[in-house]
N, C-alpha and C. Protein backbone atom coordinates (compact mmCIF):
# COMPACT_ATOMS: atom_id res chain seq x y z
N UNK A 1 91.60 108.84 -33.16
CA UNK A 1 91.94 108.04 -31.97
C UNK A 1 92.85 106.88 -32.39
N UNK A 2 93.95 106.70 -31.65
CA UNK A 2 94.88 105.64 -32.00
C UNK A 2 94.34 104.29 -31.59
N UNK A 3 94.96 103.22 -32.13
CA UNK A 3 94.57 101.86 -31.77
C UNK A 3 94.77 101.62 -30.28
N UNK A 4 95.89 102.20 -29.79
CA UNK A 4 96.18 102.05 -28.35
C UNK A 4 95.10 102.70 -27.50
N UNK A 5 94.67 103.91 -27.90
CA UNK A 5 93.62 104.61 -27.17
C UNK A 5 92.32 103.83 -27.19
N UNK A 6 92.01 103.28 -28.36
CA UNK A 6 90.78 102.51 -28.50
C UNK A 6 90.82 101.28 -27.62
N UNK A 7 91.97 100.60 -27.61
CA UNK A 7 92.13 99.40 -26.79
C UNK A 7 91.99 99.72 -25.31
N UNK A 8 92.61 100.85 -24.91
CA UNK A 8 92.53 101.25 -23.50
C UNK A 8 91.09 101.56 -23.11
N UNK A 9 90.35 102.20 -24.03
CA UNK A 9 88.97 102.55 -23.74
C UNK A 9 88.10 101.31 -23.59
N UNK A 10 88.32 100.32 -24.46
CA UNK A 10 87.58 99.07 -24.39
C UNK A 10 87.89 98.33 -23.11
N UNK A 11 89.20 98.29 -22.77
CA UNK A 11 89.61 97.60 -21.54
C UNK A 11 89.01 98.27 -20.32
N UNK A 12 89.02 99.62 -20.33
CA UNK A 12 88.46 100.36 -19.20
C UNK A 12 86.97 100.10 -19.08
N UNK A 13 86.28 100.09 -20.21
CA UNK A 13 84.85 99.82 -20.21
C UNK A 13 84.55 98.43 -19.70
N UNK A 14 85.37 97.46 -20.09
CA UNK A 14 85.16 96.08 -19.65
C UNK A 14 85.39 95.92 -18.17
N UNK A 15 86.31 96.70 -17.60
CA UNK A 15 86.60 96.59 -16.17
C UNK A 15 85.50 97.26 -15.35
N UNK A 16 84.88 98.30 -15.93
CA UNK A 16 83.87 99.03 -15.18
C UNK A 16 82.57 98.25 -15.08
N UNK A 17 82.28 97.44 -16.11
CA UNK A 17 81.02 96.70 -16.14
C UNK A 17 80.85 95.77 -14.95
N UNK A 18 81.86 94.89 -14.66
CA UNK A 18 81.72 94.01 -13.49
C UNK A 18 81.59 94.80 -12.19
N UNK A 19 82.28 95.94 -12.11
CA UNK A 19 82.22 96.76 -10.90
C UNK A 19 80.81 97.30 -10.70
N UNK A 20 80.21 97.74 -11.82
CA UNK A 20 78.84 98.26 -11.74
C UNK A 20 77.87 97.17 -11.32
N UNK A 21 78.07 95.97 -11.88
CA UNK A 21 77.22 94.83 -11.52
C UNK A 21 77.38 94.48 -10.05
N UNK A 22 78.65 94.52 -9.57
CA UNK A 22 78.92 94.21 -8.17
C UNK A 22 78.24 95.20 -7.23
N UNK A 23 78.31 96.49 -7.58
CA UNK A 23 77.66 97.51 -6.75
C UNK A 23 76.15 97.32 -6.75
N UNK A 24 75.62 96.99 -7.93
CA UNK A 24 74.18 96.79 -8.05
C UNK A 24 73.72 95.60 -7.21
N UNK A 25 74.52 94.50 -7.26
CA UNK A 25 74.18 93.31 -6.48
C UNK A 25 74.24 93.59 -4.99
N UNK A 26 75.25 94.37 -4.58
CA UNK A 26 75.41 94.71 -3.16
C UNK A 26 74.24 95.56 -2.69
N UNK A 27 73.82 96.51 -3.54
CA UNK A 27 72.68 97.34 -3.18
C UNK A 27 71.42 96.50 -3.08
N UNK A 28 71.28 95.52 -4.00
CA UNK A 28 70.13 94.63 -3.96
C UNK A 28 70.09 93.80 -2.69
N UNK A 29 71.26 93.33 -2.25
CA UNK A 29 71.35 92.55 -1.01
C UNK A 29 70.98 93.41 0.20
N UNK A 30 71.43 94.65 0.19
CA UNK A 30 71.12 95.57 1.29
C UNK A 30 69.62 95.84 1.36
N UNK A 31 69.02 96.03 0.19
CA UNK A 31 67.57 96.28 0.15
C UNK A 31 66.80 95.07 0.64
N UNK A 32 67.22 93.89 0.21
CA UNK A 32 66.54 92.66 0.63
C UNK A 32 66.67 92.48 2.14
N UNK A 33 67.86 92.74 2.68
CA UNK A 33 68.08 92.61 4.12
C UNK A 33 67.19 93.59 4.89
N UNK A 34 67.02 94.79 4.36
CA UNK A 34 66.16 95.78 5.01
C UNK A 34 64.70 95.34 4.98
N UNK A 35 64.29 94.74 3.87
CA UNK A 35 62.91 94.24 3.75
C UNK A 35 62.68 93.12 4.75
N UNK A 36 63.64 92.19 4.85
CA UNK A 36 63.51 91.07 5.79
C UNK A 36 63.46 91.58 7.22
N UNK A 37 64.26 92.59 7.53
CA UNK A 37 64.25 93.16 8.88
C UNK A 37 62.88 93.76 9.20
N UNK A 38 62.31 94.48 8.25
CA UNK A 38 60.98 95.07 8.45
C UNK A 38 59.92 93.97 8.55
N UNK A 39 60.08 92.92 7.74
CA UNK A 39 59.12 91.82 7.76
C UNK A 39 59.17 91.07 9.08
N UNK A 40 60.37 90.90 9.62
CA UNK A 40 60.52 90.22 10.91
C UNK A 40 59.86 91.03 12.01
N UNK A 41 60.04 92.33 11.98
CA UNK A 41 59.41 93.19 12.98
C UNK A 41 57.89 93.07 12.91
N UNK A 42 57.35 93.02 11.70
CA UNK A 42 55.91 92.86 11.54
C UNK A 42 55.44 91.48 12.00
N UNK A 43 56.21 90.45 11.63
CA UNK A 43 55.81 89.07 11.93
C UNK A 43 55.74 88.81 13.43
N UNK A 44 56.64 89.42 14.20
CA UNK A 44 56.60 89.21 15.65
C UNK A 44 55.39 89.89 16.29
N UNK A 45 54.77 90.81 15.56
CA UNK A 45 53.60 91.51 16.08
C UNK A 45 52.28 90.91 15.55
N UNK A 46 52.26 90.58 14.25
CA UNK A 46 51.01 90.12 13.64
C UNK A 46 51.07 88.69 13.15
N UNK A 47 52.24 88.04 13.31
CA UNK A 47 52.37 86.65 12.88
C UNK A 47 52.86 86.52 11.46
N UNK A 48 53.38 85.36 11.13
CA UNK A 48 53.88 85.10 9.78
C UNK A 48 52.76 85.17 8.76
N UNK A 49 51.58 84.69 9.15
CA UNK A 49 50.46 84.66 8.21
C UNK A 49 49.98 86.06 7.89
N UNK A 50 50.25 87.00 8.77
CA UNK A 50 49.82 88.37 8.53
C UNK A 50 50.70 89.14 7.56
N UNK A 51 51.86 88.56 7.22
CA UNK A 51 52.77 89.23 6.30
C UNK A 51 52.18 89.27 4.89
N UNK A 52 52.36 90.38 4.23
CA UNK A 52 51.94 90.49 2.83
C UNK A 52 52.91 91.40 2.10
N UNK A 53 53.02 91.17 0.79
CA UNK A 53 53.89 92.01 -0.03
C UNK A 53 53.42 93.46 0.03
N UNK A 54 52.10 93.65 0.03
CA UNK A 54 51.55 95.00 0.06
C UNK A 54 51.88 95.75 1.33
N UNK A 55 51.76 95.05 2.48
CA UNK A 55 52.06 95.69 3.76
C UNK A 55 53.53 96.10 3.84
N UNK A 56 54.41 95.24 3.36
CA UNK A 56 55.84 95.55 3.38
C UNK A 56 56.17 96.68 2.42
N UNK A 57 55.50 96.69 1.28
CA UNK A 57 55.73 97.78 0.33
C UNK A 57 55.40 99.12 0.97
N UNK A 58 54.34 99.16 1.75
CA UNK A 58 53.96 100.40 2.44
C UNK A 58 55.01 100.80 3.47
N UNK A 59 55.47 99.82 4.25
CA UNK A 59 56.47 100.09 5.28
C UNK A 59 57.78 100.56 4.67
N UNK A 60 58.18 99.93 3.55
CA UNK A 60 59.47 100.22 2.92
C UNK A 60 59.38 101.38 1.93
N UNK A 61 58.15 101.89 1.70
CA UNK A 61 57.95 102.94 0.71
C UNK A 61 58.45 102.50 -0.67
N UNK A 62 58.09 101.28 -1.00
CA UNK A 62 58.46 100.69 -2.28
C UNK A 62 57.19 100.24 -3.00
N UNK A 63 57.34 99.93 -4.28
CA UNK A 63 56.23 99.36 -5.01
C UNK A 63 56.10 97.88 -4.67
N UNK A 64 54.91 97.32 -4.87
CA UNK A 64 54.72 95.89 -4.61
C UNK A 64 55.62 95.06 -5.51
N UNK A 65 55.77 95.48 -6.74
CA UNK A 65 56.62 94.74 -7.67
C UNK A 65 58.08 94.79 -7.24
N UNK A 66 58.48 95.91 -6.63
CA UNK A 66 59.86 96.04 -6.14
C UNK A 66 60.14 95.08 -5.01
N UNK A 67 59.19 94.94 -4.09
CA UNK A 67 59.34 93.98 -2.98
C UNK A 67 59.28 92.55 -3.52
N UNK A 68 58.33 92.31 -4.39
CA UNK A 68 58.13 90.97 -4.94
C UNK A 68 59.38 90.48 -5.67
N UNK A 69 60.09 91.39 -6.34
CA UNK A 69 61.27 91.01 -7.12
C UNK A 69 62.36 90.39 -6.26
N UNK A 70 62.39 90.74 -4.98
CA UNK A 70 63.43 90.21 -4.10
C UNK A 70 63.11 88.82 -3.56
N UNK A 71 61.87 88.39 -3.65
CA UNK A 71 61.48 87.11 -3.06
C UNK A 71 60.75 86.19 -4.04
N UNK A 72 59.94 86.73 -4.89
CA UNK A 72 59.24 85.90 -5.87
C UNK A 72 57.91 85.38 -5.40
N UNK A 73 57.74 85.28 -4.08
CA UNK A 73 56.46 84.81 -3.55
C UNK A 73 56.35 85.18 -2.08
N UNK A 74 55.15 85.21 -1.58
CA UNK A 74 54.90 85.49 -0.16
C UNK A 74 55.49 84.38 0.69
N UNK A 75 55.43 83.15 0.19
CA UNK A 75 55.96 81.99 0.92
C UNK A 75 57.47 82.12 1.12
N UNK A 76 58.19 82.55 0.07
CA UNK A 76 59.63 82.73 0.19
C UNK A 76 59.96 83.87 1.15
N UNK A 77 59.13 84.88 1.18
CA UNK A 77 59.30 85.97 2.14
C UNK A 77 59.18 85.42 3.56
N UNK A 78 58.17 84.62 3.83
CA UNK A 78 57.97 84.04 5.15
C UNK A 78 59.16 83.18 5.56
N UNK A 79 59.67 82.38 4.63
CA UNK A 79 60.81 81.52 4.92
C UNK A 79 62.05 82.36 5.22
N UNK A 80 62.24 83.44 4.48
CA UNK A 80 63.38 84.33 4.72
C UNK A 80 63.30 84.94 6.11
N UNK A 81 62.10 85.27 6.55
CA UNK A 81 61.91 85.83 7.89
C UNK A 81 62.26 84.79 8.95
N UNK A 82 61.84 83.56 8.74
CA UNK A 82 62.15 82.48 9.69
C UNK A 82 63.66 82.28 9.79
N UNK A 83 64.34 82.29 8.67
CA UNK A 83 65.80 82.11 8.66
C UNK A 83 66.50 83.25 9.38
N UNK A 84 66.02 84.47 9.18
CA UNK A 84 66.62 85.61 9.86
C UNK A 84 66.38 85.54 11.37
N UNK A 85 65.19 85.15 11.75
CA UNK A 85 64.89 85.01 13.18
C UNK A 85 65.81 83.96 13.80
N UNK A 86 65.98 82.85 13.11
CA UNK A 86 66.84 81.79 13.65
C UNK A 86 68.29 82.25 13.73
N UNK A 87 68.76 82.99 12.74
CA UNK A 87 70.13 83.50 12.77
C UNK A 87 70.35 84.41 13.97
N UNK A 88 69.37 85.24 14.26
CA UNK A 88 69.50 86.14 15.42
C UNK A 88 69.42 85.34 16.73
N UNK A 89 68.56 84.34 16.75
CA UNK A 89 68.45 83.49 17.92
C UNK A 89 69.77 82.79 18.20
N UNK A 90 70.39 82.26 17.15
CA UNK A 90 71.69 81.61 17.30
C UNK A 90 72.73 82.59 17.85
N UNK A 91 72.74 83.79 17.29
CA UNK A 91 73.72 84.78 17.71
C UNK A 91 73.57 85.23 19.15
N UNK A 92 72.33 85.25 19.65
CA UNK A 92 72.08 85.74 21.01
C UNK A 92 72.06 84.63 22.05
N UNK A 93 71.73 83.41 21.64
CA UNK A 93 71.57 82.31 22.59
C UNK A 93 72.64 81.24 22.44
N UNK A 94 72.80 80.71 21.23
CA UNK A 94 73.75 79.61 21.02
C UNK A 94 75.20 80.06 21.19
N UNK A 95 75.58 81.05 20.37
CA UNK A 95 76.99 81.44 20.29
C UNK A 95 77.61 81.82 21.64
N UNK A 96 76.97 82.68 22.45
CA UNK A 96 77.58 83.02 23.74
C UNK A 96 77.71 81.83 24.68
N UNK A 97 76.75 80.91 24.61
CA UNK A 97 76.79 79.74 25.50
C UNK A 97 77.99 78.84 25.19
N UNK A 98 78.39 78.81 23.92
CA UNK A 98 79.51 77.95 23.52
C UNK A 98 80.84 78.43 24.09
N UNK A 99 80.86 79.65 24.61
CA UNK A 99 82.09 80.16 25.23
C UNK A 99 82.29 79.59 26.63
N UNK A 100 81.25 78.97 27.18
CA UNK A 100 81.34 78.40 28.53
C UNK A 100 81.81 76.95 28.47
N UNK A 101 82.40 76.45 29.55
CA UNK A 101 82.84 75.05 29.59
C UNK A 101 81.67 74.10 29.40
N UNK A 102 81.94 72.95 28.80
CA UNK A 102 80.89 71.96 28.61
C UNK A 102 80.37 71.48 29.96
N UNK A 103 79.11 71.14 29.98
CA UNK A 103 78.51 70.66 31.21
C UNK A 103 77.45 71.63 31.70
N UNK A 104 77.22 71.65 33.01
CA UNK A 104 76.20 72.53 33.56
C UNK A 104 76.50 74.01 33.33
N UNK A 105 77.77 74.45 33.35
CA UNK A 105 78.01 75.87 33.05
C UNK A 105 77.49 76.28 31.68
N UNK A 106 77.68 75.41 30.67
CA UNK A 106 77.17 75.74 29.34
C UNK A 106 75.65 75.66 29.29
N UNK A 107 75.09 74.66 29.94
CA UNK A 107 73.64 74.53 29.98
C UNK A 107 73.02 75.73 30.70
N UNK A 108 73.67 76.15 31.77
CA UNK A 108 73.21 77.33 32.50
C UNK A 108 73.24 78.56 31.60
N UNK A 109 74.33 78.72 30.85
CA UNK A 109 74.46 79.88 29.96
C UNK A 109 73.41 79.84 28.86
N UNK A 110 73.16 78.65 28.34
CA UNK A 110 72.15 78.50 27.29
C UNK A 110 70.79 78.97 27.80
N UNK A 111 70.44 78.50 28.99
CA UNK A 111 69.16 78.88 29.58
C UNK A 111 69.13 80.36 29.92
N UNK A 112 70.25 80.86 30.47
CA UNK A 112 70.31 82.27 30.86
C UNK A 112 70.13 83.21 29.68
N UNK A 113 70.82 82.91 28.58
CA UNK A 113 70.68 83.75 27.39
C UNK A 113 69.27 83.63 26.81
N UNK A 114 68.70 82.46 26.91
CA UNK A 114 67.33 82.25 26.45
C UNK A 114 66.36 83.10 27.29
N UNK A 115 66.60 83.14 28.59
CA UNK A 115 65.76 83.94 29.47
C UNK A 115 65.85 85.43 29.11
N UNK A 116 67.06 85.89 28.83
CA UNK A 116 67.22 87.29 28.49
C UNK A 116 66.49 87.62 27.19
N UNK A 117 66.59 86.74 26.22
CA UNK A 117 65.87 86.96 24.97
C UNK A 117 64.36 86.91 25.21
N UNK A 118 63.93 85.99 26.05
CA UNK A 118 62.51 85.86 26.35
C UNK A 118 61.98 87.13 27.01
N UNK A 119 62.78 87.72 27.89
CA UNK A 119 62.33 88.93 28.59
C UNK A 119 62.08 90.07 27.60
N UNK A 120 62.83 90.08 26.49
CA UNK A 120 62.59 91.09 25.44
C UNK A 120 61.36 90.72 24.63
N UNK A 121 61.20 89.44 24.37
CA UNK A 121 60.10 88.98 23.51
C UNK A 121 58.75 88.98 24.23
N UNK A 122 58.76 89.25 25.51
CA UNK A 122 57.48 89.40 26.21
C UNK A 122 56.67 90.51 25.56
N UNK A 123 57.35 91.52 25.03
CA UNK A 123 56.67 92.62 24.35
C UNK A 123 56.51 92.38 22.85
N UNK A 124 57.53 91.76 22.23
CA UNK A 124 57.49 91.62 20.77
C UNK A 124 56.95 90.28 20.29
N UNK A 125 57.06 89.24 21.11
CA UNK A 125 56.56 87.93 20.69
C UNK A 125 57.65 87.01 20.17
N UNK A 126 57.45 85.72 20.33
CA UNK A 126 58.40 84.70 19.89
C UNK A 126 57.88 84.07 18.60
N UNK A 127 58.66 84.14 17.55
CA UNK A 127 58.22 83.61 16.26
C UNK A 127 58.09 82.09 16.28
N UNK A 128 58.93 81.43 17.08
CA UNK A 128 58.83 79.97 17.19
C UNK A 128 57.46 79.57 17.74
N UNK A 129 57.01 80.26 18.76
CA UNK A 129 55.77 79.89 19.42
C UNK A 129 54.55 80.34 18.59
N UNK A 130 54.56 81.60 18.17
CA UNK A 130 53.42 82.08 17.37
C UNK A 130 53.35 81.35 16.04
N UNK A 131 54.51 81.05 15.46
CA UNK A 131 54.52 80.33 14.19
C UNK A 131 53.99 78.91 14.33
N UNK A 132 54.30 78.27 15.45
CA UNK A 132 53.80 76.91 15.68
C UNK A 132 52.28 76.89 15.76
N UNK A 133 51.71 77.93 16.36
CA UNK A 133 50.25 78.03 16.46
C UNK A 133 49.64 78.20 15.06
N UNK A 134 50.31 79.00 14.23
CA UNK A 134 49.78 79.29 12.90
C UNK A 134 49.93 78.11 11.94
N UNK A 135 51.03 77.36 12.06
CA UNK A 135 51.35 76.37 11.04
C UNK A 135 51.42 74.94 11.55
N UNK A 136 50.94 74.69 12.77
CA UNK A 136 51.04 73.34 13.31
C UNK A 136 50.29 72.30 12.47
N UNK A 137 49.20 72.69 11.83
CA UNK A 137 48.42 71.74 11.03
C UNK A 137 48.37 72.14 9.56
N UNK A 138 49.41 72.87 9.13
CA UNK A 138 49.45 73.33 7.74
C UNK A 138 50.76 72.91 7.09
N UNK A 139 50.81 71.71 6.50
CA UNK A 139 52.05 71.24 5.88
C UNK A 139 52.49 72.12 4.73
N UNK A 140 53.79 72.17 4.53
CA UNK A 140 54.32 72.97 3.43
C UNK A 140 55.69 73.53 3.78
N UNK A 141 56.33 74.23 2.85
CA UNK A 141 57.69 74.75 3.05
C UNK A 141 57.85 75.69 4.24
N UNK A 142 56.83 76.52 4.51
CA UNK A 142 56.93 77.46 5.63
C UNK A 142 56.95 76.69 6.95
N UNK A 143 56.05 75.75 7.09
CA UNK A 143 56.02 74.92 8.30
C UNK A 143 57.32 74.15 8.45
N UNK A 144 57.83 73.61 7.35
CA UNK A 144 59.09 72.85 7.38
C UNK A 144 60.25 73.72 7.85
N UNK A 145 60.33 74.94 7.31
CA UNK A 145 61.41 75.86 7.70
C UNK A 145 61.33 76.20 9.18
N UNK A 146 60.12 76.43 9.65
CA UNK A 146 59.91 76.77 11.06
C UNK A 146 60.26 75.59 11.96
N UNK A 147 59.78 74.39 11.59
CA UNK A 147 60.05 73.20 12.38
C UNK A 147 61.54 72.87 12.40
N UNK A 148 62.22 73.06 11.29
CA UNK A 148 63.66 72.79 11.23
C UNK A 148 64.42 73.71 12.19
N UNK A 149 64.00 74.97 12.26
CA UNK A 149 64.65 75.92 13.16
C UNK A 149 64.45 75.52 14.62
N UNK A 150 63.24 75.13 14.96
CA UNK A 150 62.95 74.72 16.34
C UNK A 150 63.73 73.44 16.67
N UNK A 151 63.77 72.50 15.73
CA UNK A 151 64.51 71.26 15.97
C UNK A 151 66.00 71.54 16.19
N UNK A 152 66.54 72.49 15.45
CA UNK A 152 67.96 72.85 15.62
C UNK A 152 68.21 73.37 17.03
N UNK A 153 67.29 74.21 17.53
CA UNK A 153 67.41 74.72 18.90
C UNK A 153 67.30 73.60 19.91
N UNK A 154 66.31 72.74 19.75
CA UNK A 154 66.11 71.65 20.71
C UNK A 154 67.28 70.67 20.67
N UNK A 155 67.86 70.46 19.50
CA UNK A 155 69.03 69.59 19.39
C UNK A 155 70.21 70.17 20.17
N UNK A 156 70.37 71.49 20.10
CA UNK A 156 71.45 72.14 20.86
C UNK A 156 71.21 72.01 22.36
N UNK A 157 69.97 72.16 22.77
CA UNK A 157 69.62 72.01 24.18
C UNK A 157 69.89 70.58 24.64
N UNK A 158 69.46 69.61 23.86
CA UNK A 158 69.67 68.21 24.21
C UNK A 158 71.17 67.89 24.28
N UNK A 159 71.94 68.42 23.33
CA UNK A 159 73.39 68.18 23.31
C UNK A 159 74.04 68.75 24.56
N UNK A 160 73.58 69.91 25.02
CA UNK A 160 74.14 70.50 26.23
C UNK A 160 73.86 69.63 27.45
N UNK A 161 72.68 69.03 27.50
CA UNK A 161 72.34 68.14 28.62
C UNK A 161 73.20 66.88 28.57
N UNK A 162 73.39 66.32 27.37
CA UNK A 162 74.23 65.12 27.22
C UNK A 162 75.65 65.41 27.67
N UNK A 163 76.17 66.58 27.30
CA UNK A 163 77.53 66.95 27.69
C UNK A 163 77.65 67.12 29.20
N UNK A 164 76.56 67.55 29.84
CA UNK A 164 76.57 67.66 31.31
C UNK A 164 76.69 66.28 31.94
N UNK A 165 76.05 65.29 31.33
CA UNK A 165 76.19 63.92 31.81
C UNK A 165 77.62 63.42 31.59
N UNK A 166 78.15 63.69 30.42
CA UNK A 166 79.50 63.23 30.09
C UNK A 166 80.55 63.87 31.00
N UNK A 167 80.27 65.10 31.44
CA UNK A 167 81.21 65.80 32.33
C UNK A 167 81.04 65.36 33.79
N UNK A 168 80.04 64.52 34.06
CA UNK A 168 79.81 64.07 35.42
C UNK A 168 79.01 65.04 36.26
N UNK A 169 78.42 66.05 35.63
CA UNK A 169 77.63 67.03 36.36
C UNK A 169 76.20 66.55 36.58
N UNK A 170 75.81 65.54 35.83
CA UNK A 170 74.53 64.87 36.01
C UNK A 170 74.80 63.38 36.16
N UNK A 171 73.98 62.67 36.89
CA UNK A 171 74.18 61.22 37.04
C UNK A 171 74.16 60.50 35.69
N UNK A 172 74.86 59.38 35.62
CA UNK A 172 74.94 58.62 34.37
C UNK A 172 73.57 58.11 33.93
N UNK A 173 72.67 57.91 34.89
CA UNK A 173 71.34 57.39 34.55
C UNK A 173 70.30 58.50 34.34
N UNK A 174 70.74 59.76 34.32
CA UNK A 174 69.81 60.87 34.10
C UNK A 174 69.23 60.78 32.68
N UNK A 175 67.96 61.02 32.55
CA UNK A 175 67.27 60.96 31.26
C UNK A 175 67.40 62.31 30.57
N UNK A 176 68.37 62.42 29.64
CA UNK A 176 68.63 63.70 29.01
C UNK A 176 67.45 64.19 28.15
N UNK A 177 66.73 63.27 27.56
CA UNK A 177 65.57 63.68 26.76
C UNK A 177 64.48 64.28 27.64
N UNK A 178 64.29 63.68 28.80
CA UNK A 178 63.28 64.20 29.73
C UNK A 178 63.68 65.58 30.25
N UNK A 179 64.96 65.74 30.57
CA UNK A 179 65.44 67.02 31.09
C UNK A 179 65.25 68.12 30.04
N UNK A 180 65.65 67.83 28.80
CA UNK A 180 65.49 68.81 27.73
C UNK A 180 64.02 69.13 27.50
N UNK A 181 63.18 68.12 27.57
CA UNK A 181 61.74 68.30 27.40
C UNK A 181 61.18 69.23 28.47
N UNK A 182 61.59 69.02 29.72
CA UNK A 182 61.08 69.83 30.81
C UNK A 182 61.57 71.28 30.73
N UNK A 183 62.81 71.46 30.30
CA UNK A 183 63.33 72.83 30.15
C UNK A 183 62.59 73.56 29.04
N UNK A 184 62.34 72.85 27.95
CA UNK A 184 61.57 73.45 26.86
C UNK A 184 60.16 73.81 27.33
N UNK A 185 59.56 72.91 28.09
CA UNK A 185 58.23 73.18 28.63
C UNK A 185 58.23 74.40 29.53
N UNK A 186 59.31 74.59 30.24
CA UNK A 186 59.43 75.76 31.13
C UNK A 186 59.41 77.05 30.32
N UNK A 187 60.08 77.05 29.19
CA UNK A 187 60.10 78.23 28.33
C UNK A 187 58.71 78.52 27.77
N UNK A 188 58.02 77.47 27.34
CA UNK A 188 56.67 77.66 26.81
C UNK A 188 55.74 78.21 27.88
N UNK A 189 55.87 77.68 29.09
CA UNK A 189 55.05 78.17 30.21
C UNK A 189 55.37 79.63 30.51
N UNK A 190 56.64 79.99 30.44
CA UNK A 190 57.05 81.37 30.71
C UNK A 190 56.40 82.33 29.73
N UNK A 191 56.43 81.99 28.44
CA UNK A 191 55.82 82.86 27.44
C UNK A 191 54.32 83.03 27.70
N UNK A 192 53.68 81.95 28.04
CA UNK A 192 52.24 82.01 28.29
C UNK A 192 51.93 82.87 29.50
N UNK A 193 52.68 82.63 30.58
CA UNK A 193 52.44 83.37 31.82
C UNK A 193 52.82 84.85 31.69
N UNK A 194 54.01 85.10 31.12
CA UNK A 194 54.52 86.47 31.08
C UNK A 194 53.88 87.31 29.97
N UNK A 195 53.72 86.72 28.78
CA UNK A 195 53.20 87.51 27.66
C UNK A 195 51.68 87.55 27.63
N UNK A 196 51.02 86.41 27.80
CA UNK A 196 49.57 86.35 27.69
C UNK A 196 48.87 86.76 28.98
N UNK A 197 49.27 86.15 30.10
CA UNK A 197 48.59 86.42 31.36
C UNK A 197 49.19 87.59 32.14
N UNK A 198 50.41 88.01 31.74
CA UNK A 198 51.09 89.12 32.43
C UNK A 198 51.27 88.82 33.92
N UNK A 199 51.59 87.58 34.24
CA UNK A 199 51.76 87.17 35.63
C UNK A 199 53.04 87.75 36.21
N UNK A 200 52.96 88.50 37.30
CA UNK A 200 54.18 89.07 37.90
C UNK A 200 55.12 87.96 38.39
N UNK A 201 56.42 88.21 38.27
CA UNK A 201 57.41 87.27 38.80
C UNK A 201 57.63 86.03 37.95
N UNK A 202 57.15 86.03 36.71
CA UNK A 202 57.26 84.84 35.87
C UNK A 202 58.71 84.46 35.58
N UNK A 203 59.55 85.45 35.30
CA UNK A 203 60.95 85.16 35.00
C UNK A 203 61.66 84.52 36.20
N UNK A 204 61.41 85.05 37.37
CA UNK A 204 62.03 84.48 38.57
C UNK A 204 61.55 83.05 38.80
N UNK A 205 60.27 82.79 38.54
CA UNK A 205 59.75 81.43 38.71
C UNK A 205 60.37 80.48 37.69
N UNK A 206 60.62 80.98 36.48
CA UNK A 206 61.26 80.15 35.47
C UNK A 206 62.69 79.79 35.89
N UNK A 207 63.39 80.75 36.44
CA UNK A 207 64.75 80.48 36.92
C UNK A 207 64.75 79.44 38.04
N UNK A 208 63.80 79.58 38.96
CA UNK A 208 63.68 78.60 40.04
C UNK A 208 63.31 77.24 39.48
N UNK A 209 62.42 77.23 38.50
CA UNK A 209 62.03 75.98 37.87
C UNK A 209 63.20 75.28 37.20
N UNK A 210 64.08 76.04 36.56
CA UNK A 210 65.26 75.48 35.91
C UNK A 210 66.16 74.79 36.94
N UNK A 211 66.44 75.47 38.04
CA UNK A 211 67.27 74.88 39.09
C UNK A 211 66.61 73.64 39.68
N UNK A 212 65.29 73.69 39.84
CA UNK A 212 64.56 72.54 40.40
C UNK A 212 64.61 71.33 39.48
N UNK A 213 64.52 71.57 38.16
CA UNK A 213 64.60 70.47 37.20
C UNK A 213 65.94 69.75 37.33
N UNK A 214 67.01 70.53 37.36
CA UNK A 214 68.34 69.93 37.45
C UNK A 214 68.53 69.19 38.77
N UNK A 215 68.09 69.80 39.87
CA UNK A 215 68.24 69.17 41.18
C UNK A 215 67.45 67.87 41.25
N UNK A 216 66.25 67.89 40.69
CA UNK A 216 65.40 66.70 40.72
C UNK A 216 66.00 65.55 39.91
N UNK A 217 66.78 65.90 38.92
CA UNK A 217 67.44 64.86 38.10
C UNK A 217 68.84 64.53 38.59
N UNK A 218 69.19 65.02 39.78
CA UNK A 218 70.43 64.58 40.40
C UNK A 218 71.63 65.47 40.23
N UNK A 219 71.46 66.68 39.70
CA UNK A 219 72.60 67.58 39.55
C UNK A 219 72.93 68.24 40.88
N UNK A 220 74.23 68.47 41.10
CA UNK A 220 74.66 69.20 42.29
C UNK A 220 74.60 70.68 41.94
N UNK A 221 73.39 71.23 41.96
CA UNK A 221 73.15 72.58 41.44
C UNK A 221 74.01 73.65 42.11
N UNK A 222 74.10 73.72 43.45
CA UNK A 222 74.88 74.80 44.07
C UNK A 222 76.34 74.81 43.64
N UNK A 223 76.87 73.67 43.25
CA UNK A 223 78.29 73.60 42.88
C UNK A 223 78.57 74.27 41.53
N UNK A 224 77.54 74.42 40.72
CA UNK A 224 77.75 74.95 39.39
C UNK A 224 76.95 76.19 39.08
N UNK A 225 75.76 76.32 39.65
CA UNK A 225 74.87 77.40 39.26
C UNK A 225 74.70 78.40 40.39
N UNK A 226 75.25 79.57 40.18
CA UNK A 226 75.03 80.62 41.17
C UNK A 226 73.70 81.31 40.93
N UNK A 227 73.38 81.51 39.64
CA UNK A 227 72.10 82.09 39.23
C UNK A 227 71.88 81.72 37.79
N UNK A 228 70.78 81.04 37.44
CA UNK A 228 70.57 80.59 36.09
C UNK A 228 70.58 81.69 35.05
N UNK A 229 70.32 82.92 35.43
CA UNK A 229 70.30 83.99 34.44
C UNK A 229 71.53 84.89 34.55
N UNK A 230 72.51 84.47 35.34
CA UNK A 230 73.69 85.31 35.51
C UNK A 230 74.56 85.32 34.27
C-alpha cells in the first residue's frame, strides 16, 4: 500500500467517525423524544407521580437501564414531561393567538384555543391541574418546573389583558390582574365541571362566562367578539 493510499484511508476513517457519532446522537434524541411522548401520555392518565422507569420500559419495550440512560433519574423524566407538555401547550394556544391583532381579538383567540385544547383534555386530563394537586405541597425541582410553566401561561394571559387596555378595548381603570384571575378561574371550573362531574353544556357556559367577565369589566364585547371559541 502506498503512502498516498494509507493517507487516504486514514482521512476517510477520520471523516466517517464524526458521521457515525452524529447518527448515533440523532438516534438517541429520537429515542428520548419517543420515551417522553409515551411518558406524557401516561402522565395525563395516571399523573406525574405515577410515572416510573419500569412502566415506561414496558411501554417502550426497552430495558430499565436503557430508559434510565436517557434521563438519569425519575425526577428528570418528570421534568422532561412537563417541558414537553408546555411546548405543546405553547404551540396550540400561545402561537396561534399571536397571529391576531393585539387587544380583545388576541385575548379572544387565546381563550378560544385554550377552550379547544380543554375540550380534548376532558378525556386525557390537564397536566397543569393534575400536577398542581400532586405537587402543591411538595417543594423541589419537579414542582418548580411545573409552577414555572403555569406562571409562563398566566403571564401571557395577563399580557393579553394589558394589551387590550392599551388598545382601548378595555377601560383604562380596568383591573387586568382581576380579569386574568377570573379567566383562569373559569378554566379551572370548566375542568372540574366537564371532566370530573361530566356536567352537560360546560364548554358553552365557559364561553358565556368569558364574555360576561369582559362585559362586566367594561369591554364592548359585541364590537370585538363574535364567539369566544371561533
